[in-house]
């Protein structure tokens, strides 16, 4: 991702998305009611791990499904 002059953005791992979830009200701009945020963790070749922002639970779903993403920088 090349955004705002930076090229070091990446898709965060599940533990990093949990940190975003815990700070969601401070960080803001998350889809809280029905948002499922994809992580970089794969369950297998066709499934990915995601975090449900309405409840903070971790699930696996197909890679072809639609998820929100929140890229982060180091």
PDB file of N, CA and C in Angstrom:
ATOM      1  N   UNK A   1       0.843  -1.176   0.000  1.00  0.00           N
ATOM      2  CA  UNK A   1       0.000   0.000   0.000  1.00  0.00           C
ATOM      3  C   UNK A   1       0.885   1.236   0.000  1.00  0.00           C
ATOM      4  N   UNK A   2       0.571   2.142  -0.865  1.00  0.00           N
ATOM      5  CA  UNK A   2       1.249   3.435  -0.927  1.00  0.00           C
ATOM      6  C   UNK A   2       0.190   4.487  -0.608  1.00  0.00           C
ATOM      7  N   UNK A   3       0.220   5.012   0.611  1.00  0.00           N
ATOM      8  CA  UNK A   3      -0.810   5.942   1.074  1.00  0.00           C
ATOM      9  C   UNK A   3      -0.175   7.065   1.873  1.00  0.00           C
ATOM     10  N   UNK A   4      -0.580   8.283   1.597  1.00  0.00           N
ATOM     11  CA  UNK A   4      -0.115   9.463   2.337  1.00  0.00           C
ATOM     12  C   UNK A   4       1.403   9.595   2.356  1.00  0.00           C
ATOM     13  N   UNK A   5       2.040   9.147   1.282  1.00  0.00           N
ATOM     14  CA  UNK A   5       3.484   9.272   1.181  1.00  0.00           C
ATOM     15  C   UNK A   5       4.269   8.170   1.864  1.00  0.00           C
ATOM     16  N   UNK A   6       3.603   7.160   2.379  1.00  0.00           N
ATOM     17  CA  UNK A   6       4.270   6.052   3.060  1.00  0.00           C
ATOM     18  C   UNK A   6       4.049   4.753   2.284  1.00  0.00           C
ATOM     19  N   UNK A   7       5.059   3.912   2.276  1.00  0.00           N
ATOM     20  CA  UNK A   7       4.958   2.628   1.585  1.00  0.00           C
ATOM     21  C   UNK A   7       5.191   1.442   2.523  1.00  0.00           C
ATOM     22  N   UNK A   8       5.229   1.691   3.833  1.00  0.00           N
ATOM     23  CA  UNK A   8       5.511   0.613   4.784  1.00  0.00           C
ATOM     24  C   UNK A   8       4.245   0.099   5.494  1.00  0.00           C
ATOM     25  N   UNK A   9       3.085   0.288   4.890  1.00  0.00           N
ATOM     26  CA  UNK A   9       1.829  -0.216   5.444  1.00  0.00           C
ATOM     27  C   UNK A   9       1.776  -1.731   5.287  1.00  0.00           C
ATOM     28  N   UNK A  10       1.108  -2.415   6.214  1.00  0.00           N
ATOM     29  CA  UNK A  10       0.930  -3.861   6.091  1.00  0.00           C
ATOM     30  C   UNK A  10      -0.383  -4.279   6.732  1.00  0.00           C
ATOM     31  N   UNK A  11      -0.854  -5.451   6.377  1.00  0.00           N
ATOM     32  CA  UNK A  11      -2.064  -6.029   6.967  1.00  0.00           C
ATOM     33  C   UNK A  11      -1.666  -6.664   8.295  1.00  0.00           C
ATOM     34  N   UNK A  12      -2.243  -6.217   9.406  1.00  0.00           N
ATOM     35  CA  UNK A  12      -1.797  -6.694  10.716  1.00  0.00           C
ATOM     36  C   UNK A  12      -2.221  -8.129  11.015  1.00  0.00           C
ATOM     37  N   UNK A  13      -1.436  -8.761  11.876  1.00  0.00           N
ATOM     38  CA  UNK A  13      -1.729 -10.110  12.366  1.00  0.00           C
ATOM     39  C   UNK A  13      -2.883 -10.053  13.366  1.00  0.00           C
ATOM     40  N   UNK A  14      -3.407 -11.208  13.712  1.00  0.00           N
ATOM     41  CA  UNK A  14      -4.592 -11.279  14.578  1.00  0.00           C
ATOM     42  C   UNK A  14      -4.364 -10.575  15.914  1.00  0.00           C
ATOM     43  N   UNK A  15      -3.190 -10.745  16.520  1.00  0.00           N
ATOM     44  CA  UNK A  15      -2.941 -10.097  17.814  1.00  0.00           C
ATOM     45  C   UNK A  15      -2.898  -8.575  17.671  1.00  0.00           C
ATOM     46  N   UNK A  16      -2.456  -8.083  16.518  1.00  0.00           N
ATOM     47  CA  UNK A  16      -2.438  -6.644  16.285  1.00  0.00           C
ATOM     48  C   UNK A  16      -3.849  -6.104  16.041  1.00  0.00           C
ATOM     49  N   UNK A  17      -4.689  -6.879  15.370  1.00  0.00           N
ATOM     50  CA  UNK A  17      -6.077  -6.455  15.156  1.00  0.00           C
ATOM     51  C   UNK A  17      -6.831  -6.449  16.489  1.00  0.00           C
ATOM     52  N   UNK A  18      -6.499  -7.378  17.401  1.00  0.00           N
ATOM     53  CA  UNK A  18      -7.101  -7.329  18.735  1.00  0.00           C
ATOM     54  C   UNK A  18      -6.721  -6.042  19.461  1.00  0.00           C
ATOM     55  N   UNK A  19      -5.500  -5.567  19.278  1.00  0.00           N
ATOM     56  CA  UNK A  19      -5.099  -4.287  19.867  1.00  0.00           C
ATOM     57  C   UNK A  19      -5.924  -3.144  19.281  1.00  0.00           C
ATOM     58  N   UNK A  20      -6.150  -3.194  17.962  1.00  0.00           N
ATOM     59  CA  UNK A  20      -7.009  -2.184  17.333  1.00  0.00           C
ATOM     60  C   UNK A  20      -8.426  -2.269  17.888  1.00  0.00           C
ATOM     61  N   UNK A  21      -8.923  -3.492  18.061  1.00  0.00           N
ATOM     62  CA  UNK A  21     -10.266  -3.674  18.616  1.00  0.00           C
ATOM     63  C   UNK A  21     -10.359  -3.069  20.025  1.00  0.00           C
ATOM     64  N   UNK A  22      -9.357  -3.336  20.846  1.00  0.00           N
ATOM     65  CA  UNK A  22      -9.373  -2.805  22.215  1.00  0.00           C
ATOM     66  C   UNK A  22      -9.306  -1.286  22.251  1.00  0.00           C
ATOM     67  N   UNK A  23      -8.703  -0.677  21.249  1.00  0.00           N
ATOM     68  CA  UNK A  23      -8.614   0.783  21.199  1.00  0.00           C
ATOM     69  C   UNK A  23      -9.562   1.416  20.200  1.00  0.00           C
ATOM     70  N   UNK A  24     -10.581   0.687  19.773  1.00  0.00           N
ATOM     71  CA  UNK A  24     -11.467   1.129  18.688  1.00  0.00           C
ATOM     72  C   UNK A  24     -12.157   2.463  18.952  1.00  0.00           C
ATOM     73  N   UNK A  25     -12.485   2.769  20.197  1.00  0.00           N
ATOM     74  CA  UNK A  25     -13.184   4.029  20.477  1.00  0.00           C
ATOM     75  C   UNK A  25     -12.221   5.215  20.489  1.00  0.00           C
ATOM     76  N   UNK A  26     -10.972   4.960  20.793  1.00  0.00           N
ATOM     77  CA  UNK A  26      -9.959   6.020  20.776  1.00  0.00           C
ATOM     78  C   UNK A  26      -9.458   6.230  19.345  1.00  0.00           C
ATOM     79  N   UNK A  27      -9.175   5.136  18.640  1.00  0.00           N
ATOM     80  CA  UNK A  27      -8.652   5.200  17.271  1.00  0.00           C
ATOM     81  C   UNK A  27      -9.724   5.711  16.315  1.00  0.00           C
ATOM     82  N   UNK A  28     -10.937   5.214  16.457  1.00  0.00           N
ATOM     83  CA  UNK A  28     -12.121   5.597  15.677  1.00  0.00           C
ATOM     84  C   UNK A  28     -12.064   5.152  14.214  1.00  0.00           C
ATOM     85  N   UNK A  29     -13.161   5.438  13.526  1.00  0.00           N
ATOM     86  CA  UNK A  29     -13.343   5.125  12.108  1.00  0.00           C
ATOM     87  C   UNK A  29     -13.321   3.635  11.799  1.00  0.00           C
ATOM     88  N   UNK A  30     -13.886   2.826  12.684  1.00  0.00           N
ATOM     89  CA  UNK A  30     -14.090   1.408  12.436  1.00  0.00           C
ATOM     90  C   UNK A  30     -15.569   1.166  12.193  1.00  0.00           C
ATOM     91  N   UNK A  31     -15.881   0.138  11.456  1.00  0.00           N
ATOM     92  CA  UNK A  31     -17.265  -0.300  11.301  1.00  0.00           C
ATOM     93  C   UNK A  31     -17.559  -1.207  12.500  1.00  0.00           C
ATOM     94  N   UNK A  32     -18.275  -0.688  13.490  1.00  0.00           N
ATOM     95  CA  UNK A  32     -18.466  -1.398  14.752  1.00  0.00           C
ATOM     96  C   UNK A  32     -19.689  -2.303  14.759  1.00  0.00           C
ATOM     97  N   UNK A  33     -20.710  -2.016  13.971  1.00  0.00           N
ATOM     98  CA  UNK A  33     -21.958  -2.771  14.055  1.00  0.00           C
ATOM     99  C   UNK A  33     -21.920  -4.100  13.329  1.00  0.00           C
ATOM    100  N   UNK A  34     -21.256  -4.155  12.208  1.00  0.00           N
ATOM    101  CA  UNK A  34     -21.242  -5.402  11.440  1.00  0.00           C
ATOM    102  C   UNK A  34     -19.872  -5.667  10.836  1.00  0.00           C
ATOM    103  N   UNK A  35     -18.860  -4.991  11.336  1.00  0.00           N
ATOM    104  CA  UNK A  35     -17.545  -5.075  10.722  1.00  0.00           C
ATOM    105  C   UNK A  35     -16.774  -6.327  11.072  1.00  0.00           C
ATOM    106  N   UNK A  36     -16.255  -6.977  10.052  1.00  0.00           N
ATOM    107  CA  UNK A  36     -15.345  -8.105  10.207  1.00  0.00           C
ATOM    108  C   UNK A  36     -14.026  -7.665   9.587  1.00  0.00           C
ATOM    109  N   UNK A  37     -12.980  -7.583  10.399  1.00  0.00           N
ATOM    110  CA  UNK A  37     -11.695  -7.087   9.933  1.00  0.00           C
ATOM    111  C   UNK A  37     -10.726  -8.239   9.712  1.00  0.00           C
ATOM    112  N   UNK A  38     -10.252  -8.321   8.482  1.00  0.00           N
ATOM    113  CA  UNK A  38      -9.332  -9.379   8.063  1.00  0.00           C
ATOM    114  C   UNK A  38      -7.971  -9.198   8.719  1.00  0.00           C
ATOM    115  N   UNK A  39      -7.329 -10.307   9.044  1.00  0.00           N
ATOM    116  CA  UNK A  39      -5.971 -10.296   9.566  1.00  0.00           C
ATOM    117  C   UNK A  39      -5.054 -10.942   8.531  1.00  0.00           C
ATOM    118  N   UNK A  40      -3.773 -10.894   8.766  1.00  0.00           N
ATOM    119  CA  UNK A  40      -2.828 -11.546   7.858  1.00  0.00           C
ATOM    120  C   UNK A  40      -2.664 -13.025   8.175  1.00  0.00           C
ATOM    121  N   UNK A  41      -3.324 -13.513   9.229  1.00  0.00           N
ATOM    122  CA  UNK A  41      -3.218 -14.923   9.600  1.00  0.00           C
ATOM    123  C   UNK A  41      -4.103 -15.799   8.730  1.00  0.00           C
ATOM    124  N   UNK A  42      -3.508 -16.810   8.134  1.00  0.00           N
ATOM    125  CA  UNK A  42      -4.261 -17.764   7.331  1.00  0.00           C
ATOM    126  C   UNK A  42      -4.609 -18.984   8.172  1.00  0.00           C
ATOM    127  N   UNK A  43      -5.828 -19.477   8.014  1.00  0.00           N
ATOM    128  CA  UNK A  43      -6.221 -20.723   8.661  1.00  0.00           C
ATOM    129  C   UNK A  43      -5.725 -21.905   7.823  1.00  0.00           C
ATOM    130  N   UNK A  44      -5.801 -21.764   6.516  1.00  0.00           N
ATOM    131  CA  UNK A  44      -5.274 -22.726   5.549  1.00  0.00           C
ATOM    132  C   UNK A  44      -5.206 -22.013   4.201  1.00  0.00           C
ATOM    133  N   UNK A  45      -5.026 -22.747   3.123  1.00  0.00           N
ATOM    134  CA  UNK A  45      -4.851 -22.112   1.812  1.00  0.00           C
ATOM    135  C   UNK A  45      -6.061 -21.317   1.345  1.00  0.00           C
ATOM    136  N   UNK A  46      -7.257 -21.661   1.826  1.00  0.00           N
ATOM    137  CA  UNK A  46      -8.467 -20.983   1.334  1.00  0.00           C
ATOM    138  C   UNK A  46      -9.195 -20.166   2.398  1.00  0.00           C
ATOM    139  N   UNK A  47      -8.703 -20.187   3.633  1.00  0.00           N
ATOM    140  CA  UNK A  47      -9.399 -19.469   4.703  1.00  0.00           C
ATOM    141  C   UNK A  47      -8.452 -18.544   5.462  1.00  0.00           C
ATOM    142  N   UNK A  48      -9.025 -17.462   5.951  1.00  0.00           N
ATOM    143  CA  UNK A  48      -8.279 -16.438   6.668  1.00  0.00           C
ATOM    144  C   UNK A  48      -8.939 -16.203   8.024  1.00  0.00           C
ATOM    145  N   UNK A  49      -8.173 -15.707   8.966  1.00  0.00           N
ATOM    146  CA  UNK A  49      -8.711 -15.381  10.285  1.00  0.00           C
ATOM    147  C   UNK A  49      -9.140 -13.924  10.279  1.00  0.00           C
ATOM    148  N   UNK A  50     -10.289 -13.645  10.893  1.00  0.00           N
ATOM    149  CA  UNK A  50     -10.766 -12.269  10.997  1.00  0.00           C
ATOM    150  C   UNK A  50     -11.332 -12.024  12.378  1.00  0.00           C
ATOM    151  N   UNK A  51     -11.455 -10.755  12.722  1.00  0.00           N
ATOM    152  CA  UNK A  51     -11.988 -10.334  14.024  1.00  0.00           C
ATOM    153  C   UNK A  51     -13.310  -9.629  13.788  1.00  0.00           C
ATOM    154  N   UNK A  52     -14.335 -10.064  14.513  1.00  0.00           N
ATOM    155  CA  UNK A  52     -15.641  -9.423  14.458  1.00  0.00           C
ATOM    156  C   UNK A  52     -15.626  -8.233  15.411  1.00  0.00           C
ATOM    157  N   UNK A  53     -15.821  -7.042  14.893  1.00  0.00           N
ATOM    158  CA  UNK A  53     -15.768  -5.860  15.751  1.00  0.00           C
ATOM    159  C   UNK A  53     -17.018  -5.659  16.604  1.00  0.00           C
ATOM    160  N   UNK A  54     -18.173  -6.225  16.269  1.00  0.00           N
ATOM    161  CA  UNK A  54     -19.273  -6.110  17.223  1.00  0.00           C
ATOM    162  C   UNK A  54     -19.005  -6.832  18.547  1.00  0.00           C
ATOM    163  N   UNK A  55     -18.220  -7.935  18.517  1.00  0.00           N
ATOM    164  CA  UNK A  55     -18.033  -8.694  19.760  1.00  0.00           C
ATOM    165  C   UNK A  55     -16.583  -9.026  20.088  1.00  0.00           C
ATOM    166  N   UNK A  56     -15.634  -8.736  19.211  1.00  0.00           N
ATOM    167  CA  UNK A  56     -14.223  -8.994  19.488  1.00  0.00           C
ATOM    168  C   UNK A  56     -13.798 -10.435  19.353  1.00  0.00           C
ATOM    169  N   UNK A  57     -14.647 -11.267  18.779  1.00  0.00           N
ATOM    170  CA  UNK A  57     -14.314 -12.683  18.622  1.00  0.00           C
ATOM    171  C   UNK A  57     -13.533 -12.918  17.333  1.00  0.00           C
ATOM    172  N   UNK A  58     -12.738 -13.965  17.351  1.00  0.00           N
ATOM    173  CA  UNK A  58     -11.946 -14.356  16.196  1.00  0.00           C
ATOM    174  C   UNK A  58     -12.632 -15.518  15.482  1.00  0.00           C
ATOM    175  N   UNK A  59     -12.692 -15.440  14.161  1.00  0.00           N
ATOM    176  CA  UNK A  59     -13.312 -16.480  13.339  1.00  0.00           C
ATOM    177  C   UNK A  59     -12.435 -16.750  12.134  1.00  0.00           C
ATOM    178  N   UNK A  60     -12.754 -17.806  11.404  1.00  0.00           N
ATOM    179  CA  UNK A  60     -12.125 -18.036  10.114  1.00  0.00           C
ATOM    180  C   UNK A  60     -13.205 -17.976   9.042  1.00  0.00           C
ATOM    181  N   UNK A  61     -12.830 -17.496   7.874  1.00  0.00           N
ATOM    182  CA  UNK A  61     -13.749 -17.396   6.753  1.00  0.00           C
ATOM    183  C   UNK A  61     -12.981 -17.558   5.459  1.00  0.00           C
ATOM    184  N   UNK A  62     -13.698 -17.715   4.394  1.00  0.00           N
ATOM    185  CA  UNK A  62     -13.049 -17.904   3.102  1.00  0.00           C
ATOM    186  C   UNK A  62     -12.361 -16.621   2.644  1.00  0.00           C
ATOM    187  N   UNK A  63     -11.292 -16.795   1.924  1.00  0.00           N
ATOM    188  CA  UNK A  63     -10.560 -15.635   1.405  1.00  0.00           C
ATOM    189  C   UNK A  63     -11.362 -14.880   0.359  1.00  0.00           C
ATOM    190  N   UNK A  64     -12.352 -15.534  -0.226  1.00  0.00           N
ATOM    191  CA  UNK A  64     -13.164 -14.867  -1.238  1.00  0.00           C
ATOM    192  C   UNK A  64     -14.291 -14.034  -0.642  1.00  0.00           C
ATOM    193  N   UNK A  65     -14.476 -14.096   0.670  1.00  0.00           N
ATOM    194  CA  UNK A  65     -15.497 -13.279   1.334  1.00  0.00           C
ATOM    195  C   UNK A  65     -15.024 -11.836   1.424  1.00  0.00           C
ATOM    196  N   UNK A  66     -15.943 -10.941   1.733  1.00  0.00           N
ATOM    197  CA  UNK A  66     -15.622  -9.526   1.854  1.00  0.00           C
ATOM    198  C   UNK A  66     -15.397  -9.162   3.316  1.00  0.00           C
ATOM    199  N   UNK A  67     -14.259  -8.536   3.601  1.00  0.00           N
ATOM    200  CA  UNK A  67     -13.908  -8.094   4.950  1.00  0.00           C
ATOM    201  C   UNK A  67     -13.419  -6.651   4.877  1.00  0.00           C
ATOM    202  N   UNK A  68     -13.493  -5.974   5.985  1.00  0.00           N
ATOM    203  CA  UNK A  68     -12.825  -4.684   6.104  1.00  0.00           C
ATOM    204  C   UNK A  68     -11.346  -4.956   6.352  1.00  0.00           C
ATOM    205  N   UNK A  69     -10.521  -3.994   5.999  1.00  0.00           N
ATOM    206  CA  UNK A  69      -9.099  -4.074   6.329  1.00  0.00           C
ATOM    207  C   UNK A  69      -8.684  -2.759   6.984  1.00  0.00           C
ATOM    208  N   UNK A  70      -7.726  -2.847   7.861  1.00  0.00           N
ATOM    209  CA  UNK A  70      -7.166  -1.653   8.489  1.00  0.00           C
ATOM    210  C   UNK A  70      -5.651  -1.844   8.484  1.00  0.00           C
ATOM    211  N   UNK A  71      -5.021  -1.304   7.489  1.00  0.00           N
ATOM    212  CA  UNK A  71      -3.574  -1.420   7.384  1.00  0.00           C
ATOM    213  C   UNK A  71      -2.918  -0.557   8.456  1.00  0.00           C
ATOM    214  N   UNK A  72      -1.747  -0.981   8.892  1.00  0.00           N
ATOM    215  CA  UNK A  72      -0.995  -0.263   9.919  1.00  0.00           C
ATOM    216  C   UNK A  72       0.440  -0.085   9.440  1.00  0.00           C
ATOM    217  N   UNK A  73       1.167   0.785  10.128  1.00  0.00           N
ATOM    218  CA  UNK A  73       2.580   1.006   9.839  1.00  0.00           C
ATOM    219  C   UNK A  73       3.395   0.638  11.044  1.00  0.00           C
ATOM    220  N   UNK A  74       4.628   0.262  10.802  1.00  0.00           N
ATOM    221  CA  UNK A  74       5.537  -0.061  11.912  1.00  0.00           C
ATOM    222  C   UNK A  74       5.996   1.185  12.603  1.00  0.00           C
TER     223      UNK A  74
END
